[in-house]
């Protein structure tokens, strides 16, 4: 920045006659003030952005049932990262605390990709991730495995919902 300002002063000094030195000095001072102010504004905007968008930020979050689709979820993760160059969350790589899962879905991911197998919607963590993503930002993509069957009223009547309500 200092070198740029020195070069700017040299160029202005070489291109102007010094008969009206007061206006030259005022123009140079105003230019320097505007450049310094613009630099400070850029630093402030960057700091605000870093504060508002928590890091790390993941473009995608892969929701899956580990017993049914751990390898498929890993493959999806590799495809997303290789083909888009964007970050992708898969819990086996980043998870240290289960309590953080819902916060990551809510605040630090752009899209939830749900790999639906026969048991995905029967897992409380998976349904919680889907619900939070849908309520907060609405960007949920479903990837259907051949074993997936949609839940029906009969499924709800036959299952024990107390397991979900106890959590």
C-alpha atoms as a PDB file:
ATOM      1  CA  UNK A   1       0.000   0.000   0.000  1.00  0.00           C
ATOM      2  CA  UNK A   2       2.818   2.413   0.876  1.00  0.00           C
ATOM      3  CA  UNK A   3       4.618   1.764  -2.401  1.00  0.00           C
ATOM      4  CA  UNK A   4       1.393   2.418  -4.283  1.00  0.00           C
ATOM      5  CA  UNK A   5       0.905   5.722  -2.497  1.00  0.00           C
ATOM      6  CA  UNK A   6       4.492   6.799  -3.222  1.00  0.00           C
ATOM      7  CA  UNK A   7       4.070   5.917  -6.899  1.00  0.00           C
ATOM      8  CA  UNK A   8       0.796   7.820  -6.960  1.00  0.00           C
ATOM      9  CA  UNK A   9       2.485  10.905  -5.500  1.00  0.00           C
ATOM     10  CA  UNK A  10       5.351  10.677  -8.003  1.00  0.00           C
ATOM     11  CA  UNK A  11       2.950  10.361 -10.954  1.00  0.00           C
ATOM     12  CA  UNK A  12       0.837  13.278  -9.788  1.00  0.00           C
ATOM     13  CA  UNK A  13       3.957  15.362  -9.181  1.00  0.00           C
ATOM     14  CA  UNK A  14       5.402  14.622 -12.620  1.00  0.00           C
ATOM     15  CA  UNK A  15       2.204  15.267 -14.513  1.00  0.00           C
ATOM     16  CA  UNK A  16       1.292  18.613 -12.970  1.00  0.00           C
ATOM     17  CA  UNK A  17       2.823  22.061 -13.155  1.00  0.00           C
ATOM     18  CA  UNK A  18       3.446  23.632  -9.791  1.00  0.00           C
ATOM     19  CA  UNK A  19       1.840  26.997 -10.458  1.00  0.00           C
ATOM     20  CA  UNK A  20      -1.238  25.989  -8.511  1.00  0.00           C
ATOM     21  CA  UNK A  21       0.377  23.959  -5.709  1.00  0.00           C
ATOM     22  CA  UNK A  22      -2.507  24.403  -3.241  1.00  0.00           C
ATOM     23  CA  UNK A  23      -4.992  22.519  -5.422  1.00  0.00           C
ATOM     24  CA  UNK A  24      -2.388  19.820  -6.133  1.00  0.00           C
ATOM     25  CA  UNK A  25      -1.787  19.316  -2.440  1.00  0.00           C
ATOM     26  CA  UNK A  26      -5.536  19.203  -1.749  1.00  0.00           C
ATOM     27  CA  UNK A  27      -6.171  16.696  -4.553  1.00  0.00           C
ATOM     28  CA  UNK A  28      -3.313  14.474  -3.411  1.00  0.00           C
ATOM     29  CA  UNK A  29      -4.447  14.554   0.199  1.00  0.00           C
ATOM     30  CA  UNK A  30      -8.046  13.797  -0.809  1.00  0.00           C
ATOM     31  CA  UNK A  31      -6.887  10.867  -2.977  1.00  0.00           C
ATOM     32  CA  UNK A  32      -4.810   9.416  -0.153  1.00  0.00           C
ATOM     33  CA  UNK A  33      -7.686   9.859   2.305  1.00  0.00           C
ATOM     34  CA  UNK A  34     -10.150   8.108  -0.031  1.00  0.00           C
ATOM     35  CA  UNK A  35      -7.764   5.203  -0.635  1.00  0.00           C
ATOM     36  CA  UNK A  36      -7.050   4.713   3.064  1.00  0.00           C
ATOM     37  CA  UNK A  37     -10.760   4.946   3.886  1.00  0.00           C
ATOM     38  CA  UNK A  38     -11.613   2.394   1.164  1.00  0.00           C
ATOM     39  CA  UNK A  39      -8.967   0.011   2.539  1.00  0.00           C
ATOM     40  CA  UNK A  40     -10.314   0.319   6.072  1.00  0.00           C
ATOM     41  CA  UNK A  41     -13.859  -0.215   4.806  1.00  0.00           C
ATOM     42  CA  UNK A  42     -12.770  -3.372   2.963  1.00  0.00           C
ATOM     43  CA  UNK A  43     -11.110  -4.747   6.115  1.00  0.00           C
ATOM     44  CA  UNK A  44     -14.235  -3.953   8.159  1.00  0.00           C
ATOM     45  CA  UNK A  45     -16.528  -5.663   5.633  1.00  0.00           C
ATOM     46  CA  UNK A  46     -14.309  -8.737   5.636  1.00  0.00           C
ATOM     47  CA  UNK A  47     -14.339  -8.875   9.437  1.00  0.00           C
ATOM     48  CA  UNK A  48     -18.144  -8.580   9.527  1.00  0.00           C
ATOM     49  CA  UNK A  49     -18.475 -11.343   6.925  1.00  0.00           C
ATOM     50  CA  UNK A  50     -16.207 -13.653   8.937  1.00  0.00           C
ATOM     51  CA  UNK A  51     -18.278 -12.940  12.042  1.00  0.00           C
ATOM     52  CA  UNK A  52     -21.653 -13.523  10.369  1.00  0.00           C
ATOM     53  CA  UNK A  53     -20.677 -16.655   8.402  1.00  0.00           C
ATOM     54  CA  UNK A  54     -19.214 -19.071  10.929  1.00  0.00           C
ATOM     55  CA  UNK A  55     -16.278 -21.199   9.871  1.00  0.00           C
ATOM     56  CA  UNK A  56     -15.920 -23.844   8.757  1.00  0.00           C
ATOM     57  CA  UNK A  57     -18.779 -23.511   6.300  1.00  0.00           C
ATOM     58  CA  UNK A  58     -19.839 -26.580   4.305  1.00  0.00           C
ATOM     59  CA  UNK A  59     -21.561 -26.341   0.937  1.00  0.00           C
ATOM     60  CA  UNK A  60     -23.257 -29.679   1.526  1.00  0.00           C
ATOM     61  CA  UNK A  61     -24.110 -31.898   4.466  1.00  0.00           C
ATOM     62  CA  UNK A  62     -24.680 -35.590   3.724  1.00  0.00           C
ATOM     63  CA  UNK A  63     -27.376 -37.108   5.919  1.00  0.00           C
ATOM     64  CA  UNK A  64     -27.375 -40.924   5.924  1.00  0.00           C
ATOM     65  CA  UNK A  65     -28.028 -43.990   8.034  1.00  0.00           C
ATOM     66  CA  UNK A  66     -24.606 -45.391   8.858  1.00  0.00           C
ATOM     67  CA  UNK A  67     -25.560 -49.055   8.975  1.00  0.00           C
ATOM     68  CA  UNK A  68     -27.247 -48.950   5.563  1.00  0.00           C
ATOM     69  CA  UNK A  69     -25.224 -46.416   3.607  1.00  0.00           C
ATOM     70  CA  UNK A  70     -21.840 -45.529   5.105  1.00  0.00           C
ATOM     71  CA  UNK A  71     -19.904 -46.490   1.967  1.00  0.00           C
ATOM     72  CA  UNK A  72     -22.405 -44.827  -0.378  1.00  0.00           C
ATOM     73  CA  UNK A  73     -22.292 -41.616   1.676  1.00  0.00           C
ATOM     74  CA  UNK A  74     -18.495 -41.657   1.534  1.00  0.00           C
ATOM     75  CA  UNK A  75     -18.652 -42.100  -2.249  1.00  0.00           C
ATOM     76  CA  UNK A  76     -21.100 -39.170  -2.554  1.00  0.00           C
ATOM     77  CA  UNK A  77     -18.772 -37.081  -0.417  1.00  0.00           C
ATOM     78  CA  UNK A  78     -15.821 -37.861  -2.677  1.00  0.00           C
ATOM     79  CA  UNK A  79     -17.868 -37.069  -5.810  1.00  0.00           C
ATOM     80  CA  UNK A  80     -19.072 -33.721  -4.437  1.00  0.00           C
ATOM     81  CA  UNK A  81     -15.608 -32.618  -3.408  1.00  0.00           C
ATOM     82  CA  UNK A  82     -13.862 -33.783  -6.592  1.00  0.00           C
ATOM     83  CA  UNK A  83     -16.417 -32.479  -9.077  1.00  0.00           C
ATOM     84  CA  UNK A  84     -17.347 -29.176  -7.447  1.00  0.00           C
ATOM     85  CA  UNK A  85     -14.273 -28.332  -5.387  1.00  0.00           C
ATOM     86  CA  UNK A  86     -16.581 -27.268  -2.548  1.00  0.00           C
ATOM     87  CA  UNK A  87     -16.536 -28.442   1.034  1.00  0.00           C
ATOM     88  CA  UNK A  88     -18.836 -31.231   2.130  1.00  0.00           C
ATOM     89  CA  UNK A  89     -19.686 -32.447   5.638  1.00  0.00           C
ATOM     90  CA  UNK A  90     -19.822 -36.111   6.448  1.00  0.00           C
ATOM     91  CA  UNK A  91     -20.063 -36.835  10.142  1.00  0.00           C
ATOM     92  CA  UNK A  92     -17.362 -39.499  10.299  1.00  0.00           C
ATOM     93  CA  UNK A  93     -14.757 -36.902   9.208  1.00  0.00           C
ATOM     94  CA  UNK A  94     -15.716 -33.880  11.294  1.00  0.00           C
ATOM     95  CA  UNK A  95     -17.818 -35.009  14.191  1.00  0.00           C
ATOM     96  CA  UNK A  96     -16.461 -34.781  17.699  1.00  0.00           C
ATOM     97  CA  UNK A  97     -19.744 -34.115  19.471  1.00  0.00           C
ATOM     98  CA  UNK A  98     -23.229 -35.286  18.461  1.00  0.00           C
ATOM     99  CA  UNK A  99     -24.715 -32.116  19.956  1.00  0.00           C
ATOM    100  CA  UNK A 100     -23.069 -30.092  17.172  1.00  0.00           C
ATOM    101  CA  UNK A 101     -24.859 -31.900  14.323  1.00  0.00           C
ATOM    102  CA  UNK A 102     -28.023 -29.823  14.414  1.00  0.00           C
ATOM    103  CA  UNK A 103     -26.039 -26.596  14.794  1.00  0.00           C
ATOM    104  CA  UNK A 104     -23.953 -27.449  11.735  1.00  0.00           C
ATOM    105  CA  UNK A 105     -27.109 -28.144   9.714  1.00  0.00           C
ATOM    106  CA  UNK A 106     -28.704 -24.922  10.941  1.00  0.00           C
ATOM    107  CA  UNK A 107     -25.834 -22.464  10.660  1.00  0.00           C
ATOM    108  CA  UNK A 108     -22.933 -23.896   8.733  1.00  0.00           C
ATOM    109  CA  UNK A 109     -24.219 -25.729   5.676  1.00  0.00           C
ATOM    110  CA  UNK A 110     -25.734 -24.591   2.427  1.00  0.00           C
ATOM    111  CA  UNK A 111     -27.637 -27.700   1.380  1.00  0.00           C
ATOM    112  CA  UNK A 112     -28.628 -30.967   3.024  1.00  0.00           C
ATOM    113  CA  UNK A 113     -28.281 -34.061   0.833  1.00  0.00           C
ATOM    114  CA  UNK A 114     -30.280 -36.941   2.272  1.00  0.00           C
ATOM    115  CA  UNK A 115     -29.320 -40.443   1.157  1.00  0.00           C
ATOM    116  CA  UNK A 116     -32.623 -42.232   1.745  1.00  0.00           C
ATOM    117  CA  UNK A 117     -32.454 -45.937   2.551  1.00  0.00           C
ATOM    118  CA  UNK A 118     -35.030 -48.159   4.222  1.00  0.00           C
ATOM    119  CA  UNK A 119     -34.075 -46.920   7.708  1.00  0.00           C
ATOM    120  CA  UNK A 120     -33.015 -43.288   7.180  1.00  0.00           C
ATOM    121  CA  UNK A 121     -36.354 -41.787   8.225  1.00  0.00           C
ATOM    122  CA  UNK A 122     -36.526 -44.097  11.221  1.00  0.00           C
ATOM    123  CA  UNK A 123     -33.374 -42.587  12.771  1.00  0.00           C
ATOM    124  CA  UNK A 124     -34.043 -39.621  15.094  1.00  0.00           C
ATOM    125  CA  UNK A 125     -30.799 -37.839  14.164  1.00  0.00           C
ATOM    126  CA  UNK A 126     -31.552 -38.074  10.449  1.00  0.00           C
ATOM    127  CA  UNK A 127     -35.125 -36.838  10.811  1.00  0.00           C
ATOM    128  CA  UNK A 128     -33.908 -34.026  13.051  1.00  0.00           C
ATOM    129  CA  UNK A 129     -31.322 -32.944  10.461  1.00  0.00           C
ATOM    130  CA  UNK A 130     -33.947 -33.004   7.705  1.00  0.00           C
ATOM    131  CA  UNK A 131     -36.444 -31.033   9.798  1.00  0.00           C
ATOM    132  CA  UNK A 132     -33.935 -28.354  10.788  1.00  0.00           C
ATOM    133  CA  UNK A 133     -32.636 -27.930   7.234  1.00  0.00           C
ATOM    134  CA  UNK A 134     -36.162 -27.670   5.864  1.00  0.00           C
ATOM    135  CA  UNK A 135     -37.248 -25.149   8.505  1.00  0.00           C
ATOM    136  CA  UNK A 136     -34.130 -22.955   8.333  1.00  0.00           C
ATOM    137  CA  UNK A 137     -33.192 -22.751   4.667  1.00  0.00           C
ATOM    138  CA  UNK A 138     -35.350 -25.231   2.760  1.00  0.00           C
ATOM    139  CA  UNK A 139     -32.512 -26.603   0.636  1.00  0.00           C
ATOM    140  CA  UNK A 140     -32.883 -30.359   0.947  1.00  0.00           C
ATOM    141  CA  UNK A 141     -31.975 -32.781  -1.835  1.00  0.00           C
ATOM    142  CA  UNK A 142     -33.072 -36.418  -1.701  1.00  0.00           C
ATOM    143  CA  UNK A 143     -31.095 -39.288  -3.169  1.00  0.00           C
ATOM    144  CA  UNK A 144     -33.124 -42.491  -3.217  1.00  0.00           C
ATOM    145  CA  UNK A 145     -31.626 -45.937  -2.650  1.00  0.00           C
ATOM    146  CA  UNK A 146     -33.618 -48.872  -4.129  1.00  0.00           C
ATOM    147  CA  UNK A 147     -34.403 -50.107  -0.593  1.00  0.00           C
ATOM    148  CA  UNK A 148     -36.212 -46.878   0.317  1.00  0.00           C
ATOM    149  CA  UNK A 149     -39.963 -47.042   0.784  1.00  0.00           C
ATOM    150  CA  UNK A 150     -41.896 -43.894   1.701  1.00  0.00           C
ATOM    151  CA  UNK A 151     -43.469 -43.811   5.142  1.00  0.00           C
ATOM    152  CA  UNK A 152     -47.254 -44.197   5.256  1.00  0.00           C
ATOM    153  CA  UNK A 153     -49.912 -43.782   7.924  1.00  0.00           C
ATOM    154  CA  UNK A 154     -49.758 -47.527   8.583  1.00  0.00           C
ATOM    155  CA  UNK A 155     -46.021 -47.259   9.237  1.00  0.00           C
ATOM    156  CA  UNK A 156     -46.612 -44.574  11.874  1.00  0.00           C
ATOM    157  CA  UNK A 157     -49.372 -46.587  13.551  1.00  0.00           C
ATOM    158  CA  UNK A 158     -47.239 -49.728  13.661  1.00  0.00           C
ATOM    159  CA  UNK A 159     -44.062 -48.060  14.943  1.00  0.00           C
ATOM    160  CA  UNK A 160     -43.356 -47.083  18.506  1.00  0.00           C
ATOM    161  CA  UNK A 161     -43.236 -43.265  18.423  1.00  0.00           C
ATOM    162  CA  UNK A 162     -42.314 -43.103  22.119  1.00  0.00           C
ATOM    163  CA  UNK A 163     -38.709 -43.751  21.080  1.00  0.00           C
ATOM    164  CA  UNK A 164     -38.712 -40.464  19.176  1.00  0.00           C
ATOM    165  CA  UNK A 165     -40.639 -38.528  21.818  1.00  0.00           C
ATOM    166  CA  UNK A 166     -38.269 -39.612  24.606  1.00  0.00           C
ATOM    167  CA  UNK A 167     -35.302 -37.848  22.985  1.00  0.00           C
END
